[in-house]
Amino acid sequence: MRKNDAMPSFVPVEELFAGRHFDAEIVVLCVRWYLSFKLSYGIWSA
């Protein structure tokens, strides 16, 4: 395996959420709900 084929290293959590409007906990909670309950905007816009 060549060095360029290696998977990229993990990005620190602080770096992932840097400059975001909401705290990391809120974003993670919303994503967790979205994935658990299959939420979508289409359900509420009708």
PDB file of N, CA and C in Angstrom:
ATOM      1  N   MET A   1       0.846  -1.180   0.000  1.00  0.00           N
ATOM      2  CA  MET A   1       0.000   0.000   0.000  1.00  0.00           C
ATOM      3  C   MET A   1       0.895   1.249   0.000  1.00  0.00           C
ATOM      4  N   ARG A   2       0.583   2.157  -0.896  1.00  0.00           N
ATOM      5  CA  ARG A   2       1.349   3.394  -0.956  1.00  0.00           C
ATOM      6  C   ARG A   2       0.904   4.346   0.142  1.00  0.00           C
ATOM      7  N   LYS A   3       1.744   5.281   0.497  1.00  0.00           N
ATOM      8  CA  LYS A   3       1.424   6.237   1.557  1.00  0.00           C
ATOM      9  C   LYS A   3       0.214   7.095   1.178  1.00  0.00           C
ATOM     10  N   ASN A   4       0.052   7.438  -0.090  1.00  0.00           N
ATOM     11  CA  ASN A   4      -1.074   8.264  -0.518  1.00  0.00           C
ATOM     12  C   ASN A   4      -2.410   7.534  -0.424  1.00  0.00           C
ATOM     13  N   ASP A   5      -2.373   6.189  -0.378  1.00  0.00           N
ATOM     14  CA  ASP A   5      -3.594   5.406  -0.302  1.00  0.00           C
ATOM     15  C   ASP A   5      -4.112   5.253   1.124  1.00  0.00           C
ATOM     16  N   ALA A   6      -3.344   5.682   2.092  1.00  0.00           N
ATOM     17  CA  ALA A   6      -3.745   5.524   3.488  1.00  0.00           C
ATOM     18  C   ALA A   6      -4.938   6.414   3.804  1.00  0.00           C
ATOM     19  N   MET A   7      -5.731   5.971   4.770  1.00  0.00           N
ATOM     20  CA  MET A   7      -6.880   6.758   5.192  1.00  0.00           C
ATOM     21  C   MET A   7      -6.401   8.022   5.902  1.00  0.00           C
ATOM     22  N   PRO A   8      -7.136   9.108   5.757  1.00  0.00           N
ATOM     23  CA  PRO A   8      -6.740  10.331   6.451  1.00  0.00           C
ATOM     24  C   PRO A   8      -6.894  10.165   7.960  1.00  0.00           C
ATOM     25  N   SER A   9      -6.131  10.918   8.706  1.00  0.00           N
ATOM     26  CA  SER A   9      -6.217  10.838  10.157  1.00  0.00           C
ATOM     27  C   SER A   9      -7.493  11.502  10.652  1.00  0.00           C
ATOM     28  N   PHE A  10      -7.873  11.191  11.872  1.00  0.00           N
ATOM     29  CA  PHE A  10      -9.073  11.762  12.448  1.00  0.00           C
ATOM     30  C   PHE A  10      -8.882  13.247  12.723  1.00  0.00           C
ATOM     31  N   VAL A  11      -9.958  14.002  12.577  1.00  0.00           N
ATOM     32  CA  VAL A  11      -9.944  15.425  12.857  1.00  0.00           C
ATOM     33  C   VAL A  11     -10.475  15.614  14.274  1.00  0.00           C
ATOM     34  N   PRO A  12      -9.804  16.420  15.096  1.00  0.00           N
ATOM     35  CA  PRO A  12     -10.301  16.648  16.452  1.00  0.00           C
ATOM     36  C   PRO A  12     -11.705  17.250  16.442  1.00  0.00           C
ATOM     37  N   VAL A  13     -12.509  16.889  17.438  1.00  0.00           N
ATOM     38  CA  VAL A  13     -13.893  17.354  17.518  1.00  0.00           C
ATOM     39  C   VAL A  13     -13.952  18.878  17.561  1.00  0.00           C
ATOM     40  N   GLU A  14     -13.048  19.486  18.265  1.00  0.00           N
ATOM     41  CA  GLU A  14     -13.033  20.950  18.359  1.00  0.00           C
ATOM     42  C   GLU A  14     -12.880  21.584  16.984  1.00  0.00           C
ATOM     43  N   GLU A  15     -12.093  20.945  16.136  1.00  0.00           N
ATOM     44  CA  GLU A  15     -11.861  21.463  14.789  1.00  0.00           C
ATOM     45  C   GLU A  15     -13.091  21.268  13.896  1.00  0.00           C
ATOM     46  N   LEU A  16     -13.826  20.186  14.116  1.00  0.00           N
ATOM     47  CA  LEU A  16     -15.023  19.927  13.314  1.00  0.00           C
ATOM     48  C   LEU A  16     -16.092  20.996  13.526  1.00  0.00           C
ATOM     49  N   PHE A  17     -16.234  21.466  14.768  1.00  0.00           N
ATOM     50  CA  PHE A  17     -17.293  22.401  15.108  1.00  0.00           C
ATOM     51  C   PHE A  17     -16.801  23.834  15.238  1.00  0.00           C
ATOM     52  N   ALA A  18     -15.585  24.121  14.842  1.00  0.00           N
ATOM     53  CA  ALA A  18     -15.049  25.479  14.941  1.00  0.00           C
ATOM     54  C   ALA A  18     -15.823  26.424  14.031  1.00  0.00           C
ATOM     55  N   GLY A  19     -16.262  27.541  14.575  1.00  0.00           N
ATOM     56  CA  GLY A  19     -16.955  28.553  13.791  1.00  0.00           C
ATOM     57  C   GLY A  19     -18.418  28.261  13.541  1.00  0.00           C
ATOM     58  N   ARG A  20     -18.977  27.257  14.172  1.00  0.00           N
ATOM     59  CA  ARG A  20     -20.389  26.924  13.986  1.00  0.00           C
ATOM     60  C   ARG A  20     -21.253  27.792  14.882  1.00  0.00           C
ATOM     61  N   HIS A  21     -22.499  27.973  14.473  1.00  0.00           N
ATOM     62  CA  HIS A  21     -23.433  28.810  15.217  1.00  0.00           C
ATOM     63  C   HIS A  21     -23.891  28.133  16.511  1.00  0.00           C
ATOM     64  N   PHE A  22     -24.071  26.806  16.473  1.00  0.00           N
ATOM     65  CA  PHE A  22     -24.561  26.069  17.633  1.00  0.00           C
ATOM     66  C   PHE A  22     -23.422  25.309  18.298  1.00  0.00           C
ATOM     67  N   ASP A  23     -23.599  24.996  19.582  1.00  0.00           N
ATOM     68  CA  ASP A  23     -22.619  24.193  20.299  1.00  0.00           C
ATOM     69  C   ASP A  23     -22.574  22.784  19.712  1.00  0.00           C
ATOM     70  N   ALA A  24     -21.460  22.126  19.878  1.00  0.00           N
ATOM     71  CA  ALA A  24     -21.275  20.776  19.344  1.00  0.00           C
ATOM     72  C   ALA A  24     -22.312  19.808  19.912  1.00  0.00           C
ATOM     73  N   GLU A  25     -22.674  19.963  21.191  1.00  0.00           N
ATOM     74  CA  GLU A  25     -23.638  19.058  21.806  1.00  0.00           C
ATOM     75  C   GLU A  25     -24.993  19.136  21.116  1.00  0.00           C
ATOM     76  N   ILE A  26     -25.414  20.338  20.732  1.00  0.00           N
ATOM     77  CA  ILE A  26     -26.700  20.527  20.061  1.00  0.00           C
ATOM     78  C   ILE A  26     -26.675  19.878  18.676  1.00  0.00           C
ATOM     79  N   VAL A  27     -25.606  20.077  17.957  1.00  0.00           N
ATOM     80  CA  VAL A  27     -25.486  19.505  16.607  1.00  0.00           C
ATOM     81  C   VAL A  27     -25.514  17.981  16.684  1.00  0.00           C
ATOM     82  N   VAL A  28     -24.753  17.411  17.598  1.00  0.00           N
ATOM     83  CA  VAL A  28     -24.699  15.955  17.729  1.00  0.00           C
ATOM     84  C   VAL A  28     -26.059  15.410  18.145  1.00  0.00           C
ATOM     85  N   LEU A  29     -26.738  16.077  19.066  1.00  0.00           N
ATOM     86  CA  LEU A  29     -28.061  15.639  19.500  1.00  0.00           C
ATOM     87  C   LEU A  29     -29.057  15.656  18.345  1.00  0.00           C
ATOM     88  N   CYS A  30     -29.053  16.715  17.556  1.00  0.00           N
ATOM     89  CA  CYS A  30     -29.968  16.814  16.413  1.00  0.00           C
ATOM     90  C   CYS A  30     -29.677  15.756  15.361  1.00  0.00           C
ATOM     91  N   VAL A  31     -28.429  15.502  15.100  1.00  0.00           N
ATOM     92  CA  VAL A  31     -28.069  14.458  14.135  1.00  0.00           C
ATOM     93  C   VAL A  31     -28.500  13.095  14.661  1.00  0.00           C
ATOM     94  N   ARG A  32     -28.311  12.870  15.956  1.00  0.00           N
ATOM     95  CA  ARG A  32     -28.731  11.602  16.556  1.00  0.00           C
ATOM     96  C   ARG A  32     -30.239  11.407  16.417  1.00  0.00           C
ATOM     97  N   TRP A  33     -31.021  12.453  16.678  1.00  0.00           N
ATOM     98  CA  TRP A  33     -32.476  12.368  16.517  1.00  0.00           C
ATOM     99  C   TRP A  33     -32.844  12.135  15.062  1.00  0.00           C
ATOM    100  N   TYR A  34     -32.177  12.858  14.164  1.00  0.00           N
ATOM    101  CA  TYR A  34     -32.451  12.721  12.729  1.00  0.00           C
ATOM    102  C   TYR A  34     -32.236  11.282  12.265  1.00  0.00           C
ATOM    103  N   LEU A  35     -31.150  10.684  12.721  1.00  0.00           N
ATOM    104  CA  LEU A  35     -30.842   9.318  12.308  1.00  0.00           C
ATOM    105  C   LEU A  35     -31.731   8.294  13.007  1.00  0.00           C
ATOM    106  N   SER A  36     -32.104   8.531  14.251  1.00  0.00           N
ATOM    107  CA  SER A  36     -32.916   7.576  15.010  1.00  0.00           C
ATOM    108  C   SER A  36     -34.367   7.561  14.569  1.00  0.00           C
ATOM    109  N   PHE A  37     -34.929   8.735  14.304  1.00  0.00           N
ATOM    110  CA  PHE A  37     -36.357   8.834  14.041  1.00  0.00           C
ATOM    111  C   PHE A  37     -36.680   9.165  12.589  1.00  0.00           C
ATOM    112  N   LYS A  38     -35.682   9.178  11.729  1.00  0.00           N
ATOM    113  CA  LYS A  38     -35.864   9.462  10.297  1.00  0.00           C
ATOM    114  C   LYS A  38     -36.671  10.740  10.076  1.00  0.00           C
ATOM    115  N   LEU A  39     -36.245  11.796  10.768  1.00  0.00           N
ATOM    116  CA  LEU A  39     -36.924  13.079  10.661  1.00  0.00           C
ATOM    117  C   LEU A  39     -36.593  13.726   9.329  1.00  0.00           C
ATOM    118  N   SER A  40     -37.548  14.470   8.790  1.00  0.00           N
ATOM    119  CA  SER A  40     -37.288  15.252   7.594  1.00  0.00           C
ATOM    120  C   SER A  40     -38.189  16.466   7.602  1.00  0.00           C
ATOM    121  N   TYR A  41     -37.807  17.487   6.897  1.00  0.00           N
ATOM    122  CA  TYR A  41     -38.588  18.711   6.835  1.00  0.00           C
ATOM    123  C   TYR A  41     -39.905  18.474   6.095  1.00  0.00           C
ATOM    124  N   GLY A  42     -39.927  17.525   5.179  1.00  0.00           N
ATOM    125  CA  GLY A  42     -41.128  17.234   4.396  1.00  0.00           C
ATOM    126  C   GLY A  42     -42.314  16.798   5.256  1.00  0.00           C
ATOM    127  N   ILE A  43     -42.031  16.175   6.383  1.00  0.00           N
ATOM    128  CA  ILE A  43     -43.099  15.747   7.284  1.00  0.00           C
ATOM    129  C   ILE A  43     -43.863  16.954   7.807  1.00  0.00           C
ATOM    130  N   TRP A  44     -43.163  18.035   8.105  1.00  0.00           N
ATOM    131  CA  TRP A  44     -43.759  19.193   8.754  1.00  0.00           C
ATOM    132  C   TRP A  44     -44.236  20.259   7.782  1.00  0.00           C
ATOM    133  N   SER A  45     -43.788  20.224   6.545  1.00  0.00           N
ATOM    134  CA  SER A  45     -44.121  21.305   5.597  1.00  0.00           C
ATOM    135  C   SER A  45     -45.459  21.095   4.894  1.00  0.00           C
ATOM    136  N   ALA A  46     -46.072  19.955   5.056  1.00  0.00           N
ATOM    137  CA  ALA A  46     -47.325  19.657   4.351  1.00  0.00           C
ATOM    138  C   ALA A  46     -48.503  20.373   4.913  1.00  0.00           C
TER     139      ALA A  46
END
